[in-house]
Amino acid sequence: MSVVTLTSTLLTREMRRDPEFPNVRRGLLVTGVSDGSPAATAGVRPGDVVTLLNNRQISRTSQLETHMRARALWEAGASSSSSSSSSSPSFKAIGVGPLRLGVVRKTDGEAAIAEIDLASR
């Protein structure tokens, strides 16, 4: 799963580009999800916005990186973002443990909880 911090500039751009973009003010924009990954199995899709991590608000990729490294659940890498020359964190499951993401779905703007089962990998 690849994410970028949803900055005010990015939010404005996404809302202009897509009037159906979720009505959020902060979070992590999902830019990519690998087929068959635990995130894909949990229903996370590109365009979704992650707003909670294990029931705590999240608004920066550094928060996700810190959480994952502290629990040795995922391995952080880098993947290029198609929208800019900067890179966004990409995470690959390497451990066992559930992860609860609060996600606002791009498809309908509804909030949902995505239970990512890292043991399924």
C-alpha atoms as a PDB file:
ATOM      1  CA  MET A   1       0.000   0.000   0.000  1.00  0.00           C
ATOM      2  CA  SER A   2       1.398   3.394  -0.985  1.00  0.00           C
ATOM      3  CA  VAL A   3       0.209   6.589   0.668  1.00  0.00           C
ATOM      4  CA  VAL A   4       0.945  10.319   0.671  1.00  0.00           C
ATOM      5  CA  THR A   5       0.090  12.926   3.269  1.00  0.00           C
ATOM      6  CA  LEU A   6      -3.059  14.760   2.236  1.00  0.00           C
ATOM      7  CA  THR A   7      -1.838  18.359   2.262  1.00  0.00           C
ATOM      8  CA  SER A   8      -4.146  21.312   1.632  1.00  0.00           C
ATOM      9  CA  THR A   9      -2.598  21.719  -1.847  1.00  0.00           C
ATOM     10  CA  LEU A  10      -3.159  18.055  -2.693  1.00  0.00           C
ATOM     11  CA  LEU A  11      -6.678  18.165  -1.266  1.00  0.00           C
ATOM     12  CA  THR A  12      -7.575  21.204  -3.388  1.00  0.00           C
ATOM     13  CA  ARG A  13      -6.143  19.561  -6.504  1.00  0.00           C
ATOM     14  CA  GLU A  14      -7.975  16.272  -5.902  1.00  0.00           C
ATOM     15  CA  MET A  15     -11.292  18.023  -5.213  1.00  0.00           C
ATOM     16  CA  ARG A  16     -10.990  20.044  -8.434  1.00  0.00           C
ATOM     17  CA  ARG A  17     -10.058  16.955 -10.416  1.00  0.00           C
ATOM     18  CA  ASP A  18     -12.734  14.757  -8.884  1.00  0.00           C
ATOM     19  CA  PRO A  19     -15.882  16.339  -7.398  1.00  0.00           C
ATOM     20  CA  GLU A  20     -16.655  12.956  -5.766  1.00  0.00           C
ATOM     21  CA  PHE A  21     -13.412  13.079  -3.739  1.00  0.00           C
ATOM     22  CA  PRO A  22     -14.107  12.217  -0.069  1.00  0.00           C
ATOM     23  CA  ASN A  23     -15.008  15.172   2.142  1.00  0.00           C
ATOM     24  CA  VAL A  24     -12.008  15.065   4.482  1.00  0.00           C
ATOM     25  CA  ARG A  25      -9.543  17.681   5.696  1.00  0.00           C
ATOM     26  CA  ARG A  26      -6.607  15.480   6.678  1.00  0.00           C
ATOM     27  CA  GLY A  27      -5.344  11.954   6.390  1.00  0.00           C
ATOM     28  CA  LEU A  28      -3.302   9.765   4.069  1.00  0.00           C
ATOM     29  CA  LEU A  29      -4.299   9.458   0.437  1.00  0.00           C
ATOM     30  CA  VAL A  30      -3.921   5.879  -0.783  1.00  0.00           C
ATOM     31  CA  THR A  31      -2.046   6.072  -4.095  1.00  0.00           C
ATOM     32  CA  GLY A  32      -1.566   2.364  -4.701  1.00  0.00           C
ATOM     33  CA  VAL A  33      -2.513  -1.085  -3.409  1.00  0.00           C
ATOM     34  CA  SER A  34      -0.874  -4.291  -4.614  1.00  0.00           C
ATOM     35  CA  ASP A  35      -3.219  -6.980  -5.904  1.00  0.00           C
ATOM     36  CA  GLY A  36      -3.624  -9.772  -3.365  1.00  0.00           C
ATOM     37  CA  SER A  37      -2.037  -7.773  -0.531  1.00  0.00           C
ATOM     38  CA  PRO A  38      -3.608  -7.688   2.942  1.00  0.00           C
ATOM     39  CA  ALA A  39      -4.729  -4.091   2.253  1.00  0.00           C
ATOM     40  CA  ALA A  40      -6.412  -5.144  -1.017  1.00  0.00           C
ATOM     41  CA  THR A  41      -8.075  -8.081   0.735  1.00  0.00           C
ATOM     42  CA  ALA A  42      -9.394  -5.652   3.377  1.00  0.00           C
ATOM     43  CA  GLY A  43     -10.942  -3.529   0.623  1.00  0.00           C
ATOM     44  CA  VAL A  44      -8.525  -0.580   0.627  1.00  0.00           C
ATOM     45  CA  ARG A  45      -8.375   1.010  -2.840  1.00  0.00           C
ATOM     46  CA  PRO A  46      -6.421   3.833  -4.484  1.00  0.00           C
ATOM     47  CA  GLY A  47      -8.201   7.131  -3.833  1.00  0.00           C
ATOM     48  CA  ASP A  48      -9.344   6.110  -0.347  1.00  0.00           C
ATOM     49  CA  VAL A  49      -8.221   8.321   2.527  1.00  0.00           C
ATOM     50  CA  VAL A  50      -6.881   6.765   5.742  1.00  0.00           C
ATOM     51  CA  THR A  51      -7.933   8.869   8.738  1.00  0.00           C
ATOM     52  CA  LEU A  52      -7.442   6.440  11.646  1.00  0.00           C
ATOM     53  CA  LEU A  53      -4.740   3.973  12.603  1.00  0.00           C
ATOM     54  CA  ASN A  54      -5.802   1.556  15.344  1.00  0.00           C
ATOM     55  CA  ASN A  55      -8.501   4.034  16.486  1.00  0.00           C
ATOM     56  CA  ARG A  56      -6.146   7.057  16.561  1.00  0.00           C
ATOM     57  CA  GLN A  57      -6.259   9.958  14.130  1.00  0.00           C
ATOM     58  CA  ILE A  58      -3.511   9.936  11.547  1.00  0.00           C
ATOM     59  CA  SER A  59      -2.577  12.776   9.244  1.00  0.00           C
ATOM     60  CA  ARG A  60       1.052  12.248   8.205  1.00  0.00           C
ATOM     61  CA  THR A  61       2.911   9.380   6.574  1.00  0.00           C
ATOM     62  CA  SER A  62       5.588   9.699   9.268  1.00  0.00           C
ATOM     63  CA  GLN A  63       2.994   8.598  11.850  1.00  0.00           C
ATOM     64  CA  LEU A  64       2.291   5.426   9.877  1.00  0.00           C
ATOM     65  CA  GLU A  65       6.006   4.734   9.379  1.00  0.00           C
ATOM     66  CA  THR A  66       6.721   5.182  13.101  1.00  0.00           C
ATOM     67  CA  HIS A  67       3.847   2.886  14.067  1.00  0.00           C
ATOM     68  CA  MET A  68       4.888   0.158  11.649  1.00  0.00           C
ATOM     69  CA  ARG A  69       8.566   0.253  12.498  1.00  0.00           C
ATOM     70  CA  ALA A  70       7.837   0.207  16.243  1.00  0.00           C
ATOM     71  CA  ARG A  71       5.814  -2.962  15.810  1.00  0.00           C
ATOM     72  CA  ALA A  72       8.032  -4.497  13.116  1.00  0.00           C
ATOM     73  CA  LEU A  73       4.874  -5.279  11.165  1.00  0.00           C
ATOM     74  CA  TRP A  74       5.696  -3.827   7.781  1.00  0.00           C
ATOM     75  CA  GLU A  75       8.818  -3.051   5.847  1.00  0.00           C
ATOM     76  CA  ALA A  76       8.959   0.480   4.494  1.00  0.00           C
ATOM     77  CA  GLY A  77      10.218   1.074   1.000  1.00  0.00           C
ATOM     78  CA  ALA A  78       9.817   3.881  -1.482  1.00  0.00           C
ATOM     79  CA  SER A  79       7.704   4.011  -4.574  1.00  0.00           C
ATOM     80  CA  SER A  80       7.554   6.906  -6.950  1.00  0.00           C
ATOM     81  CA  SER A  81       4.405   8.908  -7.009  1.00  0.00           C
ATOM     82  CA  SER A  82       2.989   9.355 -10.491  1.00  0.00           C
ATOM     83  CA  SER A  83       1.767  12.840  -9.597  1.00  0.00           C
ATOM     84  CA  SER A  84       5.135  14.254  -8.572  1.00  0.00           C
ATOM     85  CA  SER A  85       8.825  13.582  -8.519  1.00  0.00           C
ATOM     86  CA  SER A  86       8.797  12.940  -4.773  1.00  0.00           C
ATOM     87  CA  SER A  87       8.470   9.444  -3.374  1.00  0.00           C
ATOM     88  CA  SER A  88       5.761   8.116  -1.110  1.00  0.00           C
ATOM     89  CA  PRO A  89       6.101   5.403   1.500  1.00  0.00           C
ATOM     90  CA  SER A  90       5.193   1.940   0.349  1.00  0.00           C
ATOM     91  CA  PHE A  91       4.600  -0.757   2.945  1.00  0.00           C
ATOM     92  CA  LYS A  92       4.953  -4.510   2.612  1.00  0.00           C
ATOM     93  CA  ALA A  93       3.679  -6.884   5.311  1.00  0.00           C
ATOM     94  CA  ILE A  94       6.463  -8.840   7.020  1.00  0.00           C
ATOM     95  CA  GLY A  95       4.911  -9.757  10.371  1.00  0.00           C
ATOM     96  CA  VAL A  96       1.790 -10.991  12.046  1.00  0.00           C
ATOM     97  CA  GLY A  97      -0.799  -8.818  13.698  1.00  0.00           C
ATOM     98  CA  PRO A  98      -4.075  -7.095  12.911  1.00  0.00           C
ATOM     99  CA  LEU A  99      -4.124  -3.499  11.816  1.00  0.00           C
ATOM    100  CA  ARG A 100      -7.267  -1.351  11.890  1.00  0.00           C
ATOM    101  CA  LEU A 101      -7.434   1.533   9.454  1.00  0.00           C
ATOM    102  CA  GLY A 102     -10.238   4.058   9.446  1.00  0.00           C
ATOM    103  CA  VAL A 103     -10.803   4.725   5.763  1.00  0.00           C
ATOM    104  CA  VAL A 104     -13.036   7.155   3.909  1.00  0.00           C
ATOM    105  CA  ARG A 105     -13.949   5.415   0.669  1.00  0.00           C
ATOM    106  CA  LYS A 106     -13.452   7.267  -2.578  1.00  0.00           C
ATOM    107  CA  THR A 107     -16.297   5.345  -4.189  1.00  0.00           C
ATOM    108  CA  ASP A 108     -19.024   6.628  -1.857  1.00  0.00           C
ATOM    109  CA  GLY A 109     -17.430   8.946   0.722  1.00  0.00           C
ATOM    110  CA  GLU A 110     -18.514   6.615   3.522  1.00  0.00           C
ATOM    111  CA  ALA A 111     -16.287   5.904   6.506  1.00  0.00           C
ATOM    112  CA  ALA A 112     -15.320   2.286   7.072  1.00  0.00           C
ATOM    113  CA  ILE A 113     -12.881   0.247   9.128  1.00  0.00           C
ATOM    114  CA  ALA A 114     -10.459  -1.883   7.139  1.00  0.00           C
ATOM    115  CA  GLU A 115      -9.127  -4.794   9.202  1.00  0.00           C
ATOM    116  CA  ILE A 116      -5.816  -5.713   7.658  1.00  0.00           C
ATOM    117  CA  ASP A 117      -4.848  -9.247   8.598  1.00  0.00           C
ATOM    118  CA  LEU A 118      -1.082  -9.375   8.230  1.00  0.00           C
ATOM    119  CA  ALA A 119      -1.123 -13.103   9.038  1.00  0.00           C
ATOM    120  CA  SER A 120      -2.857 -13.736   5.709  1.00  0.00           C
ATOM    121  CA  ARG A 121       0.338 -13.031   3.764  1.00  0.00           C
END
